[in-house]
PDB file of N, CA and C in Angstrom:
ATOM      1  N   MET A   1       0.820  -1.178   0.000  1.00  0.00           N
ATOM      2  CA  MET A   1       0.000   0.000   0.000  1.00  0.00           C
ATOM      3  C   MET A   1       0.870   1.250   0.000  1.00  0.00           C
ATOM      4  N   LYS A   2       1.964   1.189   0.775  1.00  0.00           N
ATOM      5  CA  LYS A   2       2.861   2.337   0.813  1.00  0.00           C
ATOM      6  C   LYS A   2       3.432   2.629  -0.567  1.00  0.00           C
ATOM      7  N   GLN A   3       3.718   1.579  -1.302  1.00  0.00           N
ATOM      8  CA  GLN A   3       4.317   1.779  -2.622  1.00  0.00           C
ATOM      9  C   GLN A   3       3.338   2.458  -3.569  1.00  0.00           C
ATOM     10  N   TYR A   4       2.057   2.137  -3.479  1.00  0.00           N
ATOM     11  CA  TYR A   4       1.063   2.789  -4.334  1.00  0.00           C
ATOM     12  C   TYR A   4       0.931   4.271  -3.985  1.00  0.00           C
ATOM     13  N   ILE A   5       0.950   4.574  -2.695  1.00  0.00           N
ATOM     14  CA  ILE A   5       0.891   5.975  -2.280  1.00  0.00           C
ATOM     15  C   ILE A   5       2.141   6.702  -2.755  1.00  0.00           C
ATOM     16  N   GLY A   6       3.290   6.036  -2.655  1.00  0.00           N
ATOM     17  CA  GLY A   6       4.532   6.637  -3.132  1.00  0.00           C
ATOM     18  C   GLY A   6       4.490   6.921  -4.622  1.00  0.00           C
ATOM     19  N   LEU A   7       3.958   5.982  -5.390  1.00  0.00           N
ATOM     20  CA  LEU A   7       3.836   6.201  -6.838  1.00  0.00           C
ATOM     21  C   LEU A   7       2.884   7.346  -7.147  1.00  0.00           C
ATOM     22  N   LEU A   8       1.792   7.441  -6.407  1.00  0.00           N
ATOM     23  CA  LEU A   8       0.835   8.527  -6.611  1.00  0.00           C
ATOM     24  C   LEU A   8       1.470   9.876  -6.284  1.00  0.00           C
ATOM     25  N   LEU A   9       2.196   9.946  -5.169  1.00  0.00           N
ATOM     26  CA  LEU A   9       2.865  11.194  -4.809  1.00  0.00           C
ATOM     27  C   LEU A   9       3.916  11.575  -5.837  1.00  0.00           C
ATOM     28  N   THR A  10       4.633  10.602  -6.356  1.00  0.00           N
ATOM     29  CA  THR A  10       5.635  10.878  -7.380  1.00  0.00           C
ATOM     30  C   THR A  10       4.975  11.419  -8.640  1.00  0.00           C
ATOM     31  N   ALA A  11       3.865  10.844  -9.031  1.00  0.00           N
ATOM     32  CA  ALA A  11       3.157  11.322 -10.217  1.00  0.00           C
ATOM     33  C   ALA A  11       2.642  12.743 -10.011  1.00  0.00           C
ATOM     34  N   VAL A  12       2.106  13.035  -8.824  1.00  0.00           N
ATOM     35  CA  VAL A  12       1.626  14.391  -8.527  1.00  0.00           C
ATOM     36  C   VAL A  12       2.781  15.380  -8.569  1.00  0.00           C
ATOM     37  N   ALA A  13       3.929  14.983  -8.026  1.00  0.00           N
ATOM     38  CA  ALA A  13       5.088  15.876  -8.025  1.00  0.00           C
ATOM     39  C   ALA A  13       5.562  16.159  -9.443  1.00  0.00           C
ATOM     40  N   VAL A  14       5.621  15.153 -10.283  1.00  0.00           N
ATOM     41  CA  VAL A  14       6.072  15.346 -11.664  1.00  0.00           C
ATOM     42  C   VAL A  14       5.092  16.235 -12.418  1.00  0.00           C
ATOM     43  N   LEU A  15       3.796  16.019 -12.237  1.00  0.00           N
ATOM     44  CA  LEU A  15       2.805  16.870 -12.901  1.00  0.00           C
ATOM     45  C   LEU A  15       2.893  18.312 -12.413  1.00  0.00           C
ATOM     46  N   THR A  16       3.157  18.501 -11.123  1.00  0.00           N
ATOM     47  CA  THR A  16       3.305  19.856 -10.590  1.00  0.00           C
ATOM     48  C   THR A  16       4.535  20.531 -11.173  1.00  0.00           C
ATOM     49  N   LEU A  17       5.614  19.790 -11.303  1.00  0.00           N
ATOM     50  CA  LEU A  17       6.833  20.364 -11.890  1.00  0.00           C
ATOM     51  C   LEU A  17       6.621  20.732 -13.351  1.00  0.00           C
ATOM     52  N   LEU A  18       5.877  19.917 -14.074  1.00  0.00           N
ATOM     53  CA  LEU A  18       5.651  20.194 -15.489  1.00  0.00           C
ATOM     54  C   LEU A  18       4.667  21.343 -15.697  1.00  0.00           C
ATOM     55  N   ALA A  19       3.734  21.511 -14.769  1.00  0.00           N
ATOM     56  CA  ALA A  19       2.657  22.469 -14.979  1.00  0.00           C
ATOM     57  C   ALA A  19       3.011  23.896 -14.574  1.00  0.00           C
ATOM     58  N   SER A  20       3.950  24.081 -13.670  1.00  0.00           N
ATOM     59  CA  SER A  20       4.188  25.443 -13.186  1.00  0.00           C
ATOM     60  C   SER A  20       5.661  25.816 -13.281  1.00  0.00           C
ATOM     61  N   HIS A  21       5.868  27.133 -13.247  1.00  0.00           N
ATOM     62  CA  HIS A  21       7.232  27.655 -13.282  1.00  0.00           C
ATOM     63  C   HIS A  21       7.470  28.563 -12.090  1.00  0.00           C
ATOM     64  N   VAL A  22       6.644  28.428 -11.054  1.00  0.00           N
ATOM     65  CA  VAL A  22       6.782  29.240  -9.851  1.00  0.00           C
ATOM     66  C   VAL A  22       7.709  28.504  -8.893  1.00  0.00           C
ATOM     67  N   LEU A  23       8.629  29.233  -8.281  1.00  0.00           N
ATOM     68  CA  LEU A  23       9.662  28.623  -7.446  1.00  0.00           C
ATOM     69  C   LEU A  23       9.069  27.874  -6.250  1.00  0.00           C
ATOM     70  N   ILE A  24       8.094  28.453  -5.573  1.00  0.00           N
ATOM     71  CA  ILE A  24       7.547  27.804  -4.377  1.00  0.00           C
ATOM     72  C   ILE A  24       6.846  26.490  -4.724  1.00  0.00           C
ATOM     73  N   SER A  25       6.153  26.440  -5.854  1.00  0.00           N
ATOM     74  CA  SER A  25       5.496  25.184  -6.222  1.00  0.00           C
ATOM     75  C   SER A  25       6.530  24.135  -6.624  1.00  0.00           C
ATOM     76  N   ASN A  26       7.659  24.571  -7.166  1.00  0.00           N
ATOM     77  CA  ASN A  26       8.723  23.618  -7.491  1.00  0.00           C
ATOM     78  C   ASN A  26       9.325  23.023  -6.223  1.00  0.00           C
ATOM     79  N   VAL A  27       9.484  23.841  -5.197  1.00  0.00           N
ATOM     80  CA  VAL A  27      10.020  23.340  -3.924  1.00  0.00           C
ATOM     81  C   VAL A  27       9.043  22.332  -3.314  1.00  0.00           C
ATOM     82  N   ILE A  28       7.764  22.654  -3.356  1.00  0.00           N
ATOM     83  CA  ILE A  28       6.749  21.731  -2.829  1.00  0.00           C
ATOM     84  C   ILE A  28       6.727  20.439  -3.641  1.00  0.00           C
ATOM     85  N   ALA A  29       6.839  20.566  -4.962  1.00  0.00           N
ATOM     86  CA  ALA A  29       6.826  19.375  -5.816  1.00  0.00           C
ATOM     87  C   ALA A  29       8.029  18.486  -5.542  1.00  0.00           C
ATOM     88  N   VAL A  30       9.189  19.088  -5.339  1.00  0.00           N
ATOM     89  CA  VAL A  30      10.389  18.292  -5.041  1.00  0.00           C
ATOM     90  C   VAL A  30      10.230  17.597  -3.688  1.00  0.00           C
ATOM     91  N   ALA A  31       9.654  18.281  -2.710  1.00  0.00           N
ATOM     92  CA  ALA A  31       9.436  17.661  -1.400  1.00  0.00           C
ATOM     93  C   ALA A  31       8.467  16.481  -1.515  1.00  0.00           C
ATOM     94  N   ILE A  32       7.394  16.660  -2.285  1.00  0.00           N
ATOM     95  CA  ILE A  32       6.441  15.559  -2.495  1.00  0.00           C
ATOM     96  C   ILE A  32       7.121  14.404  -3.223  1.00  0.00           C
ATOM     97  N   TYR A  33       7.973  14.714  -4.185  1.00  0.00           N
ATOM     98  CA  TYR A  33       8.693  13.677  -4.933  1.00  0.00           C
ATOM     99  C   TYR A  33       9.600  12.880  -4.001  1.00  0.00           C
ATOM    100  N   ILE A  34      10.293  13.564  -3.116  1.00  0.00           N
ATOM    101  CA  ILE A  34      11.199  12.874  -2.189  1.00  0.00           C
ATOM    102  C   ILE A  34      10.401  11.972  -1.241  1.00  0.00           C
ATOM    103  N   ILE A  35       9.281  12.473  -0.735  1.00  0.00           N
ATOM    104  CA  ILE A  35       8.446  11.646   0.154  1.00  0.00           C
ATOM    105  C   ILE A  35       7.932  10.416  -0.592  1.00  0.00           C
ATOM    106  N   GLY A  36       7.504  10.605  -1.834  1.00  0.00           N
ATOM    107  CA  GLY A  36       7.030   9.473  -2.632  1.00  0.00           C
ATOM    108  C   GLY A  36       8.122   8.451  -2.886  1.00  0.00           C
ATOM    109  N   ALA A  37       9.337   8.941  -3.183  1.00  0.00           N
ATOM    110  CA  ALA A  37      10.457   8.027  -3.435  1.00  0.00           C
ATOM    111  C   ALA A  37      10.803   7.237  -2.181  1.00  0.00           C
ATOM    112  N   VAL A  38      10.762   7.900  -1.026  1.00  0.00           N
ATOM    113  CA  VAL A  38      11.053   7.202   0.229  1.00  0.00           C
ATOM    114  C   VAL A  38      10.006   6.121   0.492  1.00  0.00           C
ATOM    115  N   LEU A  39       8.734   6.436   0.243  1.00  0.00           N
ATOM    116  CA  LEU A  39       7.686   5.432   0.452  1.00  0.00           C
ATOM    117  C   LEU A  39       7.838   4.244  -0.494  1.00  0.00           C
ATOM    118  N   ILE A  40       8.313   4.506  -1.703  1.00  0.00           N
ATOM    119  CA  ILE A  40       8.498   3.410  -2.655  1.00  0.00           C
ATOM    120  C   ILE A  40       9.670   2.526  -2.239  1.00  0.00           C
ATOM    121  N   LEU A  41      10.747   3.144  -1.767  1.00  0.00           N
ATOM    122  CA  LEU A  41      11.974   2.397  -1.501  1.00  0.00           C
ATOM    123  C   LEU A  41      12.001   1.718  -0.133  1.00  0.00           C
ATOM    124  N   LEU A  42      11.199   2.188   0.818  1.00  0.00           N
ATOM    125  CA  LEU A  42      11.195   1.544   2.133  1.00  0.00           C
ATOM    126  C   LEU A  42      10.650   0.128   2.020  1.00  0.00           C
ATOM    127  N   PRO A  43      11.273  -0.815   2.701  1.00  0.00           N
ATOM    128  CA  PRO A  43      10.728  -2.177   2.656  1.00  0.00           C
ATOM    129  C   PRO A  43       9.410  -2.229   3.406  1.00  0.00           C
ATOM    130  N   GLN A  44       8.513  -3.036   2.879  1.00  0.00           N
ATOM    131  CA  GLN A  44       7.213  -3.177   3.525  1.00  0.00           C
ATOM    132  C   GLN A  44       7.346  -4.100   4.722  1.00  0.00           C
ATOM    133  N   GLY A  45       6.636  -3.761   5.788  1.00  0.00           N
ATOM    134  CA  GLY A  45       6.641  -4.617   6.969  1.00  0.00           C
ATOM    135  C   GLY A  45       5.929  -5.919   6.653  1.00  0.00           C
ATOM    136  N   ARG A  46       6.476  -7.003   7.121  1.00  0.00           N
ATOM    137  CA  ARG A  46       5.862  -8.303   6.853  1.00  0.00           C
ATOM    138  C   ARG A  46       5.180  -8.797   8.106  1.00  0.00           C
ATOM    139  N   ARG A  47       4.011  -9.346   7.900  1.00  0.00           N
ATOM    140  CA  ARG A  47       3.269  -9.894   9.022  1.00  0.00           C
ATOM    141  C   ARG A  47       3.868 -11.245   9.393  1.00  0.00           C
ATOM    142  N   PRO A  48       3.964 -11.512  10.696  1.00  0.00           N
ATOM    143  CA  PRO A  48       4.483 -12.830  11.077  1.00  0.00           C
ATOM    144  C   PRO A  48       3.511 -13.925  10.645  1.00  0.00           C
ATOM    145  N   VAL A  49       4.070 -14.969  10.130  1.00  0.00           N
ATOM    146  CA  VAL A  49       3.253 -16.088   9.658  1.00  0.00           C
ATOM    147  C   VAL A  49       2.938 -16.985  10.845  1.00  0.00           C
ATOM    148  N   GLU A  50       1.657 -17.255  11.011  1.00  0.00           N
ATOM    149  CA  GLU A  50       1.264 -18.143  12.097  1.00  0.00           C
ATOM    150  C   GLU A  50       1.543 -19.582  11.683  1.00  0.00           C
ATOM    151  N   GLU A  51       2.300 -20.259  12.522  1.00  0.00           N
ATOM    152  CA  GLU A  51       2.615 -21.654  12.217  1.00  0.00           C
ATOM    153  C   GLU A  51       1.466 -22.536  12.697  1.00  0.00           C
ATOM    154  N   LYS A  52       1.005 -23.371  11.802  1.00  0.00           N
ATOM    155  CA  LYS A  52      -0.075 -24.287  12.157  1.00  0.00           C
ATOM    156  C   LYS A  52       0.530 -25.494  12.866  1.00  0.00           C
ATOM    157  N   PRO A  53      -0.145 -25.974  13.898  1.00  0.00           N
ATOM    158  CA  PRO A  53       0.385 -27.171  14.565  1.00  0.00           C
ATOM    159  C   PRO A  53       0.327 -28.364  13.611  1.00  0.00           C
ATOM    160  N   ALA A  54       1.296 -29.219  13.761  1.00  0.00           N
ATOM    161  CA  ALA A  54       1.358 -30.403  12.904  1.00  0.00           C
ATOM    162  C   ALA A  54       0.149 -31.293  13.180  1.00  0.00           C
ATOM    163  N   ALA A  55      -0.316 -31.924  12.140  1.00  0.00           N
ATOM    164  CA  ALA A  55      -1.461 -32.826  12.287  1.00  0.00           C
ATOM    165  C   ALA A  55      -1.056 -34.001  13.171  1.00  0.00           C
ATOM    166  N   ALA A  56      -1.984 -34.396  14.011  1.00  0.00           N
ATOM    167  CA  ALA A  56      -1.712 -35.519  14.903  1.00  0.00           C
ATOM    168  C   ALA A  56      -1.551 -36.785  14.068  1.00  0.00           C
ATOM    169  N   PRO A  57      -0.558 -37.596  14.380  1.00  0.00           N
ATOM    170  CA  PRO A  57      -0.378 -38.836  13.608  1.00  0.00           C
ATOM    171  C   PRO A  57      -1.554 -39.781  13.835  1.00  0.00           C
ATOM    172  N   ARG A  58      -1.921 -40.462  12.760  1.00  0.00           N
ATOM    173  CA  ARG A  58      -3.027 -41.420  12.867  1.00  0.00           C
ATOM    174  C   ARG A  58      -2.569 -42.612  13.695  1.00  0.00           C
ATOM    175  N   PRO A  59      -3.400 -43.039  14.629  1.00  0.00           N
ATOM    176  CA  PRO A  59      -3.000 -44.190  15.447  1.00  0.00           C
ATOM    177  C   PRO A  59      -2.985 -45.464  14.602  1.00  0.00           C
ATOM    178  N   MET A  60      -2.106 -46.348  14.976  1.00  0.00           N
ATOM    179  CA  MET A  60      -2.009 -47.630  14.280  1.00  0.00           C
ATOM    180  C   MET A  60      -3.259 -48.455  14.612  1.00  0.00           C
ATOM    181  N   PRO A  61      -3.772 -49.190  13.635  1.00  0.00           N
ATOM    182  CA  PRO A  61      -4.968 -50.003  13.911  1.00  0.00           C
ATOM    183  C   PRO A  61      -4.634 -51.131  14.891  1.00  0.00           C
ATOM    184  N   THR A  62      -5.603 -51.429  15.697  1.00  0.00           N
ATOM    185  CA  THR A  62      -5.422 -52.511  16.671  1.00  0.00           C
ATOM    186  C   THR A  62      -5.616 -53.853  15.961  1.00  0.00           C
ATOM    187  N   PRO A  63      -5.172 -54.928  16.548  1.00  0.00           N
ATOM    188  CA  PRO A  63      -5.362 -56.240  15.917  1.00  0.00           C
ATOM    189  C   PRO A  63      -6.837 -56.569  15.671  1.00  0.00           C
ATOM    190  N   GLU A  64      -7.739 -56.113  16.550  1.00  0.00           N
ATOM    191  CA  GLU A  64      -9.166 -56.378  16.345  1.00  0.00           C
ATOM    192  C   GLU A  64      -9.670 -55.656  15.098  1.00  0.00           C
ATOM    193  N   GLU A  65      -9.217 -54.420  14.896  1.00  0.00           N
ATOM    194  CA  GLU A  65      -9.630 -53.671  13.706  1.00  0.00           C
ATOM    195  C   GLU A  65      -9.101 -54.338  12.438  1.00  0.00           C
ATOM    196  N   LEU A  66      -7.892 -54.856  12.507  1.00  0.00           N
ATOM    197  CA  LEU A  66      -7.325 -55.536  11.345  1.00  0.00           C
ATOM    198  C   LEU A  66      -8.116 -56.798  11.010  1.00  0.00           C
ATOM    199  N   LYS A  67      -8.603 -57.514  12.024  1.00  0.00           N
ATOM    200  CA  LYS A  67      -9.371 -58.736  11.783  1.00  0.00           C
ATOM    201  C   LYS A  67     -10.730 -58.422  11.169  1.00  0.00           C
ATOM    202  N   ARG A  68     -11.333 -57.260  11.522  1.00  0.00           N
ATOM    203  CA  ARG A  68     -12.654 -56.903  11.015  1.00  0.00           C
ATOM    204  C   ARG A  68     -12.610 -56.407   9.571  1.00  0.00           C
ATOM    205  N   ARG A  69     -11.467 -56.072   9.088  1.00  0.00           N
ATOM    206  CA  ARG A  69     -11.371 -55.571   7.714  1.00  0.00           C
ATOM    207  C   ARG A  69     -11.580 -56.712   6.727  1.00  0.00           C
ATOM    208  N   PRO A  70     -12.185 -56.412   5.574  1.00  0.00           N
ATOM    209  CA  PRO A  70     -12.337 -57.474   4.572  1.00  0.00           C
ATOM    210  C   PRO A  70     -10.965 -57.862   4.018  1.00  0.00           C
ATOM    211  N   ALA A  71     -10.864 -59.132   3.635  1.00  0.00           N
ATOM    212  CA  ALA A  71      -9.589 -59.642   3.125  1.00  0.00           C
ATOM    213  C   ALA A  71      -9.260 -59.039   1.767  1.00  0.00           C
ATOM    214  N   GLN A  72     -10.291 -58.771   0.957  1.00  0.00           N
ATOM    215  CA  GLN A  72     -10.063 -58.193  -0.365  1.00  0.00           C
ATOM    216  C   GLN A  72     -10.783 -56.849  -0.450  1.00  0.00           C
ATOM    217  N   PRO A  73     -10.217 -55.935  -1.184  1.00  0.00           N
ATOM    218  CA  PRO A  73     -10.899 -54.639  -1.329  1.00  0.00           C
ATOM    219  C   PRO A  73     -12.171 -54.802  -2.149  1.00  0.00           C
ATOM    220  N   PRO A  74     -13.145 -53.942  -1.973  1.00  0.00           N
ATOM    221  CA  PRO A  74     -14.385 -54.056  -2.748  1.00  0.00           C
ATOM    222  C   PRO A  74     -14.105 -53.820  -4.227  1.00  0.00           C
ATOM    223  N   GLU A  75     -14.855 -54.523  -5.064  1.00  0.00           N
ATOM    224  CA  GLU A  75     -14.656 -54.389  -6.512  1.00  0.00           C
ATOM    225  C   GLU A  75     -15.397 -53.167  -7.028  1.00  0.00           C
ATOM    226  N   LEU A  76     -14.752 -52.465  -7.909  1.00  0.00           N
ATOM    227  CA  LEU A  76     -15.372 -51.301  -8.534  1.00  0.00           C
ATOM    228  C   LEU A  76     -15.964 -51.702  -9.865  1.00  0.00           C
ATOM    229  N   GLU A  77     -17.165 -51.229 -10.128  1.00  0.00           N
ATOM    230  CA  GLU A  77     -17.796 -51.582 -11.403  1.00  0.00           C
ATOM    231  C   GLU A  77     -17.741 -50.424 -12.353  1.00  0.00           C
TER     232      GLU A  77
END
């Protein structure tokens, strides 16, 4: 977001410099240009990434569960 504001300020400063020949407006335009350049060049703050807890491992099937399973997988038609 800062970079977009910086680009907008830079564009306003350039248009002000092109449009007028009055010394005070040139000083203001240069100041706006410098502020815009600083906003463009400053690194953006990064939000800390929340680490998700690891998924709990699936428990191993008990011998009773293994016995209840069918011996062959179901047939697909």
